[in-house]
Amino acid sequence: MNPCYPARRPVPPPPPECGSGYLMQRILASGQRVFRPVDLCLCPGQLPCNARGPFTVVEAGVIGCPQWQEIPCRRRDALALLVNVRIALRLRDACGACFSVETGAEEELLLRCRCPAQDCWRGQIVVQAAVRPYRSRGCRCRGDERLPVEMLLEGFLLSPCAVNCPGQPACPDQRPLYPEPPCCGTHF
């Protein structure tokens, strides 16, 4: 330490000025659903000709982003989505040989709205998916090439919200900036 120079105190950054605002994503609707198990079907042409059943799922993963489309919903405070997920599987057959196949799953996801229905069209829908092998006693497939996996789907309806000054609230309403935890949540 050099005694000739006094220690400098850190200078806090200046507060943002009004008018130099930014956008934050506000969650208008969210939903989560866990599927245990999802039976994936394979066509006979997807399996190698020398593969012998029963098959075991060694690894599972999502290929790309899930594709979704809105479907009619009976509930007034929700959006229903039909989500198509492309899945890559690594399988082991009865002889111990491993091989990779691609397949897909299609499931429904319900997003519970936390905003008036007239605000739902303003947002952007983001859907995420995760899959893993289903670990259970009956996780092996017999002769019909139906393979069980566990799948998690999460969806969010996001809307940009302008934040202007530090003394003003972020948005005029009190919608959350993050997903609210479920009261009795299901962990993946």
Protein backbone atom coordinates (compact mmCIF):
# COMPACT_ATOMS: atom_id res chain seq x y z
CA MET A 1 0.00 0.00 0.00
CA ASN A 2 1.36 3.40 -0.97
CA PRO A 3 0.96 5.97 1.87
CA CYS A 4 1.33 8.92 -0.53
CA TYR A 5 -2.06 8.55 -2.19
CA PRO A 6 -5.34 8.80 -0.25
CA ALA A 7 -7.83 5.98 -0.72
CA ARG A 8 -10.61 6.78 -3.18
CA ARG A 9 -14.19 6.27 -2.25
CA PRO A 10 -16.38 4.57 -4.83
CA VAL A 11 -18.71 6.96 -6.62
CA PRO A 12 -22.28 5.67 -7.04
CA PRO A 13 -23.68 5.80 -10.57
CA PRO A 14 -25.98 8.73 -11.29
CA PRO A 15 -29.71 7.98 -11.14
CA PRO A 16 -31.40 7.57 -14.52
CA GLU A 17 -33.06 10.68 -15.84
CA CYS A 18 -36.73 10.79 -16.74
CA GLY A 19 -37.21 10.15 -20.42
CA SER A 20 -34.31 7.69 -20.63
CA GLY A 21 -36.64 4.75 -20.08
CA TYR A 22 -36.37 1.14 -21.10
CA LEU A 23 -38.67 -1.81 -21.72
CA MET A 24 -39.25 -4.78 -19.44
CA GLN A 25 -41.27 -7.87 -20.26
CA ARG A 26 -44.41 -8.20 -18.17
CA ILE A 27 -46.07 -11.62 -17.93
CA LEU A 28 -49.75 -11.49 -18.91
CA ALA A 29 -50.35 -15.26 -18.83
CA SER A 30 -48.37 -18.35 -17.88
CA GLY A 31 -48.81 -22.08 -17.70
CA GLN A 32 -46.85 -25.22 -16.92
CA ARG A 33 -47.66 -28.86 -17.44
CA VAL A 34 -45.72 -32.05 -16.72
CA PHE A 35 -46.56 -35.20 -18.69
CA ARG A 36 -45.57 -38.48 -17.02
CA PRO A 37 -45.22 -40.57 -19.16
CA VAL A 38 -45.67 -39.58 -22.77
CA ASP A 39 -45.68 -42.65 -25.01
CA LEU A 40 -43.81 -41.83 -28.20
CA CYS A 41 -44.57 -43.96 -31.24
CA LEU A 42 -41.90 -44.95 -33.72
CA CYS A 43 -42.54 -46.10 -37.25
CA PRO A 44 -40.94 -49.41 -38.29
CA GLY A 45 -38.78 -47.52 -40.81
CA GLN A 46 -37.20 -45.40 -38.05
CA LEU A 47 -35.59 -48.41 -36.37
CA PRO A 48 -32.59 -50.22 -37.86
CA CYS A 49 -33.47 -53.58 -39.38
CA ASN A 50 -31.20 -55.44 -36.95
CA ALA A 51 -32.65 -53.77 -33.79
CA ARG A 52 -34.20 -56.18 -31.30
CA GLY A 53 -36.83 -55.18 -28.73
CA PRO A 54 -37.44 -54.38 -25.96
CA PHE A 55 -35.94 -50.89 -26.23
CA THR A 56 -34.75 -48.60 -23.43
CA VAL A 57 -34.57 -44.81 -23.72
CA VAL A 58 -31.02 -43.84 -22.72
CA GLU A 59 -31.17 -40.09 -23.56
CA ALA A 60 -33.87 -37.70 -24.70
CA GLY A 61 -33.69 -34.09 -25.86
CA VAL A 62 -35.70 -31.40 -27.63
CA ILE A 63 -34.80 -30.47 -31.21
CA GLY A 64 -35.20 -26.75 -31.92
CA CYS A 65 -38.04 -24.64 -30.56
CA PRO A 66 -41.51 -26.08 -30.00
CA GLN A 67 -44.13 -25.08 -32.57
CA TRP A 68 -47.53 -24.05 -31.27
CA GLN A 69 -50.92 -22.91 -32.46
CA GLU A 70 -53.84 -21.45 -30.55
CA ILE A 71 -56.89 -23.68 -30.21
CA PRO A 72 -60.38 -22.91 -28.87
CA CYS A 73 -60.60 -22.78 -25.09
CA ARG A 74 -63.72 -23.15 -22.92
CA ARG A 75 -62.33 -21.03 -20.09
CA ARG A 76 -62.70 -17.26 -20.32
CA ASP A 77 -59.53 -16.48 -18.38
CA ALA A 78 -57.15 -18.73 -20.34
CA LEU A 79 -55.47 -19.37 -23.67
CA ALA A 80 -55.16 -22.92 -24.99
CA LEU A 81 -52.19 -23.92 -27.15
CA LEU A 82 -51.50 -27.09 -29.09
CA VAL A 83 -47.73 -27.58 -28.82
CA ASN A 84 -45.72 -29.77 -31.21
CA VAL A 85 -42.29 -30.80 -29.88
CA ARG A 86 -39.60 -32.55 -31.97
CA ILE A 87 -37.65 -35.05 -29.84
CA ALA A 88 -34.31 -36.80 -30.35
CA LEU A 89 -33.95 -40.18 -28.61
CA ARG A 90 -30.96 -42.39 -28.01
CA LEU A 91 -32.17 -45.97 -27.62
CA ARG A 92 -30.60 -49.23 -26.46
CA ASP A 93 -32.01 -52.51 -27.73
CA ALA A 94 -32.05 -55.94 -26.06
CA CYS A 95 -28.61 -56.79 -27.50
CA GLY A 96 -27.01 -53.63 -26.08
CA ALA A 97 -26.68 -51.76 -29.40
CA CYS A 98 -27.39 -48.02 -29.25
CA PHE A 99 -28.90 -45.90 -32.01
CA SER A 100 -30.55 -42.50 -32.43
CA VAL A 101 -34.03 -41.70 -33.73
CA GLU A 102 -36.17 -38.58 -34.07
CA THR A 103 -39.87 -38.41 -33.30
CA GLY A 104 -42.43 -35.90 -32.08
CA ALA A 105 -45.11 -35.31 -29.48
CA GLU A 106 -48.18 -33.09 -29.55
CA GLU A 107 -49.79 -31.92 -26.30
CA GLU A 108 -52.12 -29.17 -25.06
CA LEU A 109 -50.94 -26.35 -22.77
CA LEU A 110 -53.23 -23.94 -20.93
CA LEU A 111 -52.01 -20.41 -20.13
CA ARG A 112 -53.89 -18.75 -17.26
CA CYS A 113 -54.40 -15.04 -17.98
CA ARG A 114 -53.68 -12.36 -15.40
CA CYS A 115 -54.94 -9.52 -17.55
CA PRO A 116 -58.18 -8.42 -19.23
CA ALA A 117 -59.08 -10.45 -22.31
CA GLN A 118 -58.72 -7.40 -24.59
CA ASP A 119 -54.98 -7.16 -23.65
CA CYS A 120 -54.09 -10.75 -24.66
CA TRP A 121 -53.60 -9.99 -28.35
CA ARG A 122 -50.84 -7.46 -27.59
CA GLY A 123 -48.34 -9.99 -26.24
CA GLN A 124 -45.78 -12.43 -27.55
CA ILE A 125 -46.13 -16.12 -26.70
CA VAL A 126 -42.99 -18.05 -25.70
CA VAL A 127 -43.13 -21.83 -25.24
CA GLN A 128 -40.31 -23.94 -23.77
CA ALA A 129 -40.04 -27.72 -23.59
CA ALA A 130 -37.81 -30.26 -21.87
CA VAL A 131 -37.79 -34.06 -22.08
CA ARG A 132 -35.96 -36.83 -20.27
CA PRO A 133 -36.22 -40.61 -20.09
CA TYR A 134 -39.08 -41.82 -17.94
CA ARG A 135 -37.61 -43.77 -15.04
CA SER A 136 -40.07 -46.30 -13.77
CA ARG A 137 -40.41 -50.06 -13.44
CA GLY A 138 -42.28 -50.29 -16.72
CA CYS A 139 -39.98 -48.03 -18.73
CA ARG A 140 -39.12 -50.69 -21.30
CA CYS A 141 -41.02 -51.05 -24.52
CA ARG A 142 -42.30 -54.37 -25.77
CA GLY A 143 -42.87 -55.08 -29.44
CA ASP A 144 -45.03 -52.07 -30.39
CA GLU A 145 -42.22 -49.44 -30.39
CA ARG A 146 -43.92 -47.17 -27.84
CA LEU A 147 -41.27 -45.36 -25.82
CA PRO A 148 -42.07 -43.53 -22.55
CA VAL A 149 -40.47 -40.15 -21.80
CA GLU A 150 -41.23 -37.41 -19.28
CA MET A 151 -41.99 -34.00 -20.79
CA LEU A 152 -42.30 -30.51 -19.31
CA LEU A 153 -44.04 -27.68 -21.18
CA GLU A 154 -43.95 -24.06 -20.03
CA GLY A 155 -45.59 -21.14 -21.78
CA PHE A 156 -45.64 -17.39 -21.23
CA LEU A 157 -47.56 -14.52 -22.79
CA LEU A 158 -45.23 -11.51 -22.55
CA SER A 159 -45.95 -7.85 -23.14
CA PRO A 160 -43.41 -4.99 -23.17
CA CYS A 161 -43.87 -2.38 -20.46
CA ALA A 162 -42.10 0.99 -20.46
CA VAL A 163 -40.18 2.02 -17.36
CA ASN A 164 -39.48 5.76 -17.28
CA CYS A 165 -38.37 7.25 -13.95
CA PRO A 166 -37.07 5.70 -10.74
CA GLY A 167 -39.75 7.48 -8.66
CA GLN A 168 -42.67 6.26 -10.79
CA PRO A 169 -44.13 2.76 -10.77
CA ALA A 170 -43.02 0.44 -13.57
CA CYS A 171 -46.51 0.14 -15.04
CA PRO A 172 -49.89 1.57 -14.10
CA ASP A 173 -51.22 -1.88 -13.19
CA GLN A 174 -49.84 -4.37 -10.68
CA ARG A 175 -49.21 -7.33 -12.97
CA PRO A 176 -46.06 -9.31 -12.03
CA LEU A 177 -42.78 -8.97 -13.91
CA TYR A 178 -42.05 -12.66 -13.32
CA PRO A 179 -44.11 -15.85 -13.10
CA GLU A 180 -45.87 -16.34 -9.79
CA PRO A 181 -45.01 -19.64 -8.10
CA PRO A 182 -47.86 -22.15 -7.96
CA CYS A 183 -49.41 -22.68 -4.53
CA CYS A 184 -48.66 -26.39 -4.56
CA GLY A 185 -46.12 -26.60 -7.38
CA THR A 186 -45.03 -29.61 -9.30
CA HIS A 187 -41.28 -29.82 -9.67
CA PHE A 188 -39.75 -31.44 -12.72
